[in-house]
Amino acid sequence: MPSRCKGTPGTDREGAAPARQLTEPQQRHVATTYLDAFFRRHLLGDTGQDQILTGARHPDAALTEVDVTADTP
């Protein structure tokens, strides 16, 4: 049976190796940034991090490019 999933983990959509890959500490930092913003917004009602969640501000731009999409409720 042929595989439905094309590509190899760690490659881009065209199959080329990414220009730069984050280290584990960098991945954790980016994840912590966005998870913290999400939980502060939805559990505490803190709207101070909404620019991160909407993609208007990229606090980790020095580490990586992050594309944020949001659906309005």
PDB file of N, CA and C in Angstrom:
ATOM      1  N   MET A   1       0.841  -1.166   0.000  1.00  0.00           N
ATOM      2  CA  MET A   1       0.000   0.000   0.000  1.00  0.00           C
ATOM      3  C   MET A   1       0.899   1.246   0.000  1.00  0.00           C
ATOM      4  N   PRO A   2       0.710   2.174  -0.954  1.00  0.00           N
ATOM      5  CA  PRO A   2       1.542   3.372  -0.996  1.00  0.00           C
ATOM      6  C   PRO A   2       1.238   4.303   0.161  1.00  0.00           C
ATOM      7  N   SER A   3       2.258   4.990   0.610  1.00  0.00           N
ATOM      8  CA  SER A   3       2.109   5.923   1.708  1.00  0.00           C
ATOM      9  C   SER A   3       1.411   7.189   1.239  1.00  0.00           C
ATOM     10  N   ARG A   4       0.471   7.693   2.027  1.00  0.00           N
ATOM     11  CA  ARG A   4      -0.223   8.932   1.703  1.00  0.00           C
ATOM     12  C   ARG A   4       0.612  10.147   2.086  1.00  0.00           C
ATOM     13  N   CYS A   5       1.476   9.993   3.050  1.00  0.00           N
ATOM     14  CA  CYS A   5       2.278  11.096   3.565  1.00  0.00           C
ATOM     15  C   CYS A   5       3.536  11.245   2.726  1.00  0.00           C
ATOM     16  N   LYS A   6       3.681  12.390   2.087  1.00  0.00           N
ATOM     17  CA  LYS A   6       4.870  12.641   1.289  1.00  0.00           C
ATOM     18  C   LYS A   6       5.848  13.459   2.097  1.00  0.00           C
ATOM     19  N   GLY A   7       7.089  13.343   1.784  1.00  0.00           N
ATOM     20  CA  GLY A   7       8.096  14.123   2.476  1.00  0.00           C
ATOM     21  C   GLY A   7       8.728  13.348   3.618  1.00  0.00           C
ATOM     22  N   THR A   8       9.705  13.953   4.177  1.00  0.00           N
ATOM     23  CA  THR A   8      10.456  13.363   5.268  1.00  0.00           C
ATOM     24  C   THR A   8      10.440  14.323   6.445  1.00  0.00           C
ATOM     25  N   PRO A   9      10.283  13.825   7.668  1.00  0.00           N
ATOM     26  CA  PRO A   9      10.330  14.739   8.802  1.00  0.00           C
ATOM     27  C   PRO A   9      11.617  15.562   8.780  1.00  0.00           C
ATOM     28  N   GLY A  10      11.485  16.841   9.096  1.00  0.00           N
ATOM     29  CA  GLY A  10      12.648  17.715   9.108  1.00  0.00           C
ATOM     30  C   GLY A  10      12.931  18.363   7.769  1.00  0.00           C
ATOM     31  N   THR A  11      12.010  18.202   6.799  1.00  0.00           N
ATOM     32  CA  THR A  11      12.181  18.852   5.504  1.00  0.00           C
ATOM     33  C   THR A  11      11.010  19.799   5.268  1.00  0.00           C
ATOM     34  N   ASP A  12      11.162  20.711   4.315  1.00  0.00           N
ATOM     35  CA  ASP A  12      10.064  21.610   4.013  1.00  0.00           C
ATOM     36  C   ASP A  12       9.080  20.918   3.071  1.00  0.00           C
ATOM     37  N   ARG A  13       8.075  21.633   2.619  1.00  0.00           N
ATOM     38  CA  ARG A  13       7.020  21.032   1.784  1.00  0.00           C
ATOM     39  C   ARG A  13       7.539  20.506   0.452  1.00  0.00           C
ATOM     40  N   GLU A  14       8.613  21.096  -0.027  1.00  0.00           N
ATOM     41  CA  GLU A  14       9.183  20.640  -1.298  1.00  0.00           C
ATOM     42  C   GLU A  14      10.201  19.523  -1.097  1.00  0.00           C
ATOM     43  N   GLY A  15      10.457  19.151   0.147  1.00  0.00           N
ATOM     44  CA  GLY A  15      11.381  18.064   0.424  1.00  0.00           C
ATOM     45  C   GLY A  15      12.804  18.499   0.666  1.00  0.00           C
ATOM     46  N   ALA A  16      13.064  19.801   0.607  1.00  0.00           N
ATOM     47  CA  ALA A  16      14.421  20.289   0.852  1.00  0.00           C
ATOM     48  C   ALA A  16      14.652  20.455   2.352  1.00  0.00           C
ATOM     49  N   ALA A  17      15.875  20.306   2.750  1.00  0.00           N
ATOM     50  CA  ALA A  17      16.207  20.505   4.157  1.00  0.00           C
ATOM     51  C   ALA A  17      15.956  21.966   4.525  1.00  0.00           C
ATOM     52  N   PRO A  18      15.439  22.227   5.714  1.00  0.00           N
ATOM     53  CA  PRO A  18      15.195  23.612   6.103  1.00  0.00           C
ATOM     54  C   PRO A  18      16.505  24.389   6.190  1.00  0.00           C
ATOM     55  N   ALA A  19      16.406  25.682   5.969  1.00  0.00           N
ATOM     56  CA  ALA A  19      17.604  26.518   6.018  1.00  0.00           C
ATOM     57  C   ALA A  19      18.212  26.500   7.418  1.00  0.00           C
ATOM     58  N   ARG A  20      17.363  26.406   8.423  1.00  0.00           N
ATOM     59  CA  ARG A  20      17.845  26.428   9.796  1.00  0.00           C
ATOM     60  C   ARG A  20      16.852  25.679  10.674  1.00  0.00           C
ATOM     61  N   GLN A  21      17.348  24.874  11.554  1.00  0.00           N
ATOM     62  CA  GLN A  21      16.487  24.127  12.449  1.00  0.00           C
ATOM     63  C   GLN A  21      16.741  24.602  13.872  1.00  0.00           C
ATOM     64  N   LEU A  22      15.673  24.719  14.658  1.00  0.00           N
ATOM     65  CA  LEU A  22      15.814  25.165  16.033  1.00  0.00           C
ATOM     66  C   LEU A  22      16.400  24.056  16.900  1.00  0.00           C
ATOM     67  N   THR A  23      17.190  24.464  17.872  1.00  0.00           N
ATOM     68  CA  THR A  23      17.691  23.505  18.850  1.00  0.00           C
ATOM     69  C   THR A  23      16.558  23.186  19.820  1.00  0.00           C
ATOM     70  N   GLU A  24      16.743  22.158  20.628  1.00  0.00           N
ATOM     71  CA  GLU A  24      15.700  21.804  21.593  1.00  0.00           C
ATOM     72  C   GLU A  24      15.407  22.954  22.556  1.00  0.00           C
ATOM     73  N   PRO A  25      16.405  23.629  23.128  1.00  0.00           N
ATOM     74  CA  PRO A  25      16.095  24.767  24.009  1.00  0.00           C
ATOM     75  C   PRO A  25      15.349  25.893  23.282  1.00  0.00           C
ATOM     76  N   GLN A  26      15.682  26.130  22.013  1.00  0.00           N
ATOM     77  CA  GLN A  26      14.970  27.159  21.252  1.00  0.00           C
ATOM     78  C   GLN A  26      13.519  26.744  21.003  1.00  0.00           C
ATOM     79  N   GLN A  27      13.298  25.474  20.699  1.00  0.00           N
ATOM     80  CA  GLN A  27      11.935  24.977  20.500  1.00  0.00           C
ATOM     81  C   GLN A  27      11.122  25.153  21.778  1.00  0.00           C
ATOM     82  N   ARG A  28      11.722  24.827  22.902  1.00  0.00           N
ATOM     83  CA  ARG A  28      11.033  24.974  24.186  1.00  0.00           C
ATOM     84  C   ARG A  28      10.707  26.439  24.473  1.00  0.00           C
ATOM     85  N   HIS A  29      11.639  27.331  24.136  1.00  0.00           N
ATOM     86  CA  HIS A  29      11.420  28.754  24.369  1.00  0.00           C
ATOM     87  C   HIS A  29      10.237  29.269  23.537  1.00  0.00           C
ATOM     88  N   VAL A  30      10.201  28.914  22.249  1.00  0.00           N
ATOM     89  CA  VAL A  30       9.111  29.342  21.385  1.00  0.00           C
ATOM     90  C   VAL A  30       7.783  28.768  21.878  1.00  0.00           C
ATOM     91  N   ALA A  31       7.759  27.488  22.210  1.00  0.00           N
ATOM     92  CA  ALA A  31       6.537  26.861  22.703  1.00  0.00           C
ATOM     93  C   ALA A  31       6.069  27.515  24.001  1.00  0.00           C
ATOM     94  N   THR A  32       6.986  27.771  24.911  1.00  0.00           N
ATOM     95  CA  THR A  32       6.638  28.398  26.186  1.00  0.00           C
ATOM     96  C   THR A  32       6.046  29.785  25.969  1.00  0.00           C
ATOM     97  N   THR A  33       6.619  30.541  25.040  1.00  0.00           N
ATOM     98  CA  THR A  33       6.115  31.884  24.746  1.00  0.00           C
ATOM     99  C   THR A  33       4.652  31.844  24.320  1.00  0.00           C
ATOM    100  N   TYR A  34       4.341  30.982  23.347  1.00  0.00           N
ATOM    101  CA  TYR A  34       2.983  30.930  22.810  1.00  0.00           C
ATOM    102  C   TYR A  34       2.005  30.241  23.765  1.00  0.00           C
ATOM    103  N   LEU A  35       2.445  29.224  24.464  1.00  0.00           N
ATOM    104  CA  LEU A  35       1.562  28.567  25.431  1.00  0.00           C
ATOM    105  C   LEU A  35       1.241  29.493  26.603  1.00  0.00           C
ATOM    106  N   ASP A  36       2.243  30.220  27.072  1.00  0.00           N
ATOM    107  CA  ASP A  36       2.028  31.166  28.159  1.00  0.00           C
ATOM    108  C   ASP A  36       1.004  32.224  27.744  1.00  0.00           C
ATOM    109  N   ALA A  37       1.152  32.766  26.542  1.00  0.00           N
ATOM    110  CA  ALA A  37       0.212  33.773  26.052  1.00  0.00           C
ATOM    111  C   ALA A  37      -1.203  33.196  25.955  1.00  0.00           C
ATOM    112  N   PHE A  38      -1.311  31.989  25.431  1.00  0.00           N
ATOM    113  CA  PHE A  38      -2.616  31.349  25.282  1.00  0.00           C
ATOM    114  C   PHE A  38      -3.296  31.130  26.629  1.00  0.00           C
ATOM    115  N   PHE A  39      -2.579  30.527  27.578  1.00  0.00           N
ATOM    116  CA  PHE A  39      -3.190  30.233  28.869  1.00  0.00           C
ATOM    117  C   PHE A  39      -3.489  31.488  29.676  1.00  0.00           C
ATOM    118  N   ARG A  40      -2.619  32.491  29.585  1.00  0.00           N
ATOM    119  CA  ARG A  40      -2.913  33.752  30.270  1.00  0.00           C
ATOM    120  C   ARG A  40      -4.199  34.372  29.729  1.00  0.00           C
ATOM    121  N   ARG A  41      -4.370  34.297  28.414  1.00  0.00           N
ATOM    122  CA  ARG A  41      -5.561  34.878  27.788  1.00  0.00           C
ATOM    123  C   ARG A  41      -6.817  34.121  28.163  1.00  0.00           C
ATOM    124  N   HIS A  42      -6.769  32.806  28.055  1.00  0.00           N
ATOM    125  CA  HIS A  42      -7.997  32.029  28.194  1.00  0.00           C
ATOM    126  C   HIS A  42      -8.291  31.549  29.607  1.00  0.00           C
ATOM    127  N   LEU A  43      -7.311  31.491  30.457  1.00  0.00           N
ATOM    128  CA  LEU A  43      -7.579  31.085  31.844  1.00  0.00           C
ATOM    129  C   LEU A  43      -7.643  32.262  32.802  1.00  0.00           C
ATOM    130  N   LEU A  44      -6.844  33.292  32.524  1.00  0.00           N
ATOM    131  CA  LEU A  44      -6.804  34.438  33.429  1.00  0.00           C
ATOM    132  C   LEU A  44      -7.513  35.667  32.867  1.00  0.00           C
ATOM    133  N   GLY A  45      -7.863  35.634  31.582  1.00  0.00           N
ATOM    134  CA  GLY A  45      -8.513  36.784  30.961  1.00  0.00           C
ATOM    135  C   GLY A  45      -7.563  37.935  30.694  1.00  0.00           C
ATOM    136  N   ASP A  46      -6.265  37.683  30.744  1.00  0.00           N
ATOM    137  CA  ASP A  46      -5.238  38.698  30.524  1.00  0.00           C
ATOM    138  C   ASP A  46      -5.098  38.939  29.019  1.00  0.00           C
ATOM    139  N   THR A  47      -5.463  40.123  28.548  1.00  0.00           N
ATOM    140  CA  THR A  47      -5.404  40.424  27.123  1.00  0.00           C
ATOM    141  C   THR A  47      -4.084  41.077  26.721  1.00  0.00           C
ATOM    142  N   GLY A  48      -3.146  41.182  27.636  1.00  0.00           N
ATOM    143  CA  GLY A  48      -1.864  41.817  27.358  1.00  0.00           C
ATOM    144  C   GLY A  48      -1.004  41.088  26.345  1.00  0.00           C
ATOM    145  N   GLN A  49      -1.279  39.835  26.095  1.00  0.00           N
ATOM    146  CA  GLN A  49      -0.487  39.041  25.148  1.00  0.00           C
ATOM    147  C   GLN A  49      -1.241  38.761  23.852  1.00  0.00           C
ATOM    148  N   ASP A  50      -2.354  39.437  23.634  1.00  0.00           N
ATOM    149  CA  ASP A  50      -3.156  39.172  22.437  1.00  0.00           C
ATOM    150  C   ASP A  50      -2.399  39.417  21.138  1.00  0.00           C
ATOM    151  N   GLN A  51      -1.476  40.359  21.127  1.00  0.00           N
ATOM    152  CA  GLN A  51      -0.704  40.619  19.907  1.00  0.00           C
ATOM    153  C   GLN A  51       0.141  39.416  19.509  1.00  0.00           C
ATOM    154  N   ILE A  52       0.572  38.656  20.466  1.00  0.00           N
ATOM    155  CA  ILE A  52       1.324  37.424  20.164  1.00  0.00           C
ATOM    156  C   ILE A  52       0.386  36.400  19.545  1.00  0.00           C
ATOM    157  N   LEU A  53      -0.807  36.264  20.127  1.00  0.00           N
ATOM    158  CA  LEU A  53      -1.750  35.251  19.662  1.00  0.00           C
ATOM    159  C   LEU A  53      -2.335  35.577  18.287  1.00  0.00           C
ATOM    160  N   THR A  54      -2.421  36.854  17.934  1.00  0.00           N
ATOM    161  CA  THR A  54      -2.961  37.230  16.629  1.00  0.00           C
ATOM    162  C   THR A  54      -1.881  37.306  15.562  1.00  0.00           C
ATOM    163  N   GLY A  55      -0.624  37.286  15.965  1.00  0.00           N
ATOM    164  CA  GLY A  55       0.475  37.369  15.020  1.00  0.00           C
ATOM    165  C   GLY A  55       0.930  38.788  14.750  1.00  0.00           C
ATOM    166  N   ALA A  56       0.351  39.768  15.446  1.00  0.00           N
ATOM    167  CA  ALA A  56       0.751  41.165  15.260  1.00  0.00           C
ATOM    168  C   ALA A  56       2.152  41.417  15.809  1.00  0.00           C
ATOM    169  N   ARG A  57       2.544  40.638  16.805  1.00  0.00           N
ATOM    170  CA  ARG A  57       3.880  40.775  17.396  1.00  0.00           C
ATOM    171  C   ARG A  57       4.541  39.401  17.429  1.00  0.00           C
ATOM    172  N   HIS A  58       5.803  39.350  17.051  1.00  0.00           N
ATOM    173  CA  HIS A  58       6.550  38.089  17.040  1.00  0.00           C
ATOM    174  C   HIS A  58       7.710  38.202  18.026  1.00  0.00           C
ATOM    175  N   PRO A  59       7.498  37.814  19.276  1.00  0.00           N
ATOM    176  CA  PRO A  59       8.541  37.965  20.281  1.00  0.00           C
ATOM    177  C   PRO A  59       9.772  37.098  20.046  1.00  0.00           C
ATOM    178  N   ASP A  60       9.633  36.057  19.285  1.00  0.00           N
ATOM    179  CA  ASP A  60      10.753  35.152  19.028  1.00  0.00           C
ATOM    180  C   ASP A  60      11.286  35.294  17.611  1.00  0.00           C
ATOM    181  N   ALA A  61      11.112  36.461  17.009  1.00  0.00           N
ATOM    182  CA  ALA A  61      11.539  36.678  15.628  1.00  0.00           C
ATOM    183  C   ALA A  61      13.042  36.479  15.446  1.00  0.00           C
ATOM    184  N   ALA A  62      13.809  36.717  16.498  1.00  0.00           N
ATOM    185  CA  ALA A  62      15.257  36.517  16.400  1.00  0.00           C
ATOM    186  C   ALA A  62      15.599  35.030  16.274  1.00  0.00           C
ATOM    187  N   LEU A  63      14.719  34.162  16.773  1.00  0.00           N
ATOM    188  CA  LEU A  63      14.964  32.721  16.713  1.00  0.00           C
ATOM    189  C   LEU A  63      14.414  32.086  15.451  1.00  0.00           C
ATOM    190  N   THR A  64      13.181  32.455  15.114  1.00  0.00           N
ATOM    191  CA  THR A  64      12.512  31.787  14.004  1.00  0.00           C
ATOM    192  C   THR A  64      11.362  32.610  13.480  1.00  0.00           C
ATOM    193  N   GLU A  65      10.938  32.300  12.275  1.00  0.00           N
ATOM    194  CA  GLU A  65       9.746  32.914  11.705  1.00  0.00           C
ATOM    195  C   GLU A  65       8.551  32.080  12.171  1.00  0.00           C
ATOM    196  N   VAL A  66       7.522  32.751  12.657  1.00  0.00           N
ATOM    197  CA  VAL A  66       6.337  32.055  13.121  1.00  0.00           C
ATOM    198  C   VAL A  66       5.144  32.629  12.397  1.00  0.00           C
ATOM    199  N   ASP A  67       4.358  31.762  11.751  1.00  0.00           N
ATOM    200  CA  ASP A  67       3.132  32.186  11.098  1.00  0.00           C
ATOM    201  C   ASP A  67       1.974  31.883  12.029  1.00  0.00           C
ATOM    202  N   VAL A  68       1.194  32.913  12.345  1.00  0.00           N
ATOM    203  CA  VAL A  68       0.066  32.753  13.252  1.00  0.00           C
ATOM    204  C   VAL A  68      -1.212  33.022  12.474  1.00  0.00           C
ATOM    205  N   THR A  69      -2.155  32.111  12.572  1.00  0.00           N
ATOM    206  CA  THR A  69      -3.474  32.348  12.009  1.00  0.00           C
ATOM    207  C   THR A  69      -4.483  32.224  13.128  1.00  0.00           C
ATOM    208  N   ALA A  70      -5.525  33.024  13.063  1.00  0.00           N
ATOM    209  CA  ALA A  70      -6.534  33.007  14.112  1.00  0.00           C
ATOM    210  C   ALA A  70      -7.914  33.028  13.476  1.00  0.00           C
ATOM    211  N   ASP A  71      -8.823  32.261  14.024  1.00  0.00           N
ATOM    212  CA  ASP A  71     -10.204  32.264  13.611  1.00  0.00           C
ATOM    213  C   ASP A  71     -11.012  33.009  14.655  1.00  0.00           C
ATOM    214  N   THR A  72     -11.872  33.886  14.213  1.00  0.00           N
ATOM    215  CA  THR A  72     -12.707  34.596  15.168  1.00  0.00           C
ATOM    216  C   THR A  72     -13.838  33.688  15.613  1.00  0.00           C
ATOM    217  N   PRO A  73     -14.162  33.754  16.885  1.00  0.00           N
ATOM    218  CA  PRO A  73     -15.221  32.864  17.407  1.00  0.00           C
ATOM    219  C   PRO A  73     -16.590  33.245  16.894  1.00  0.00           C
TER     220      PRO A  73
END
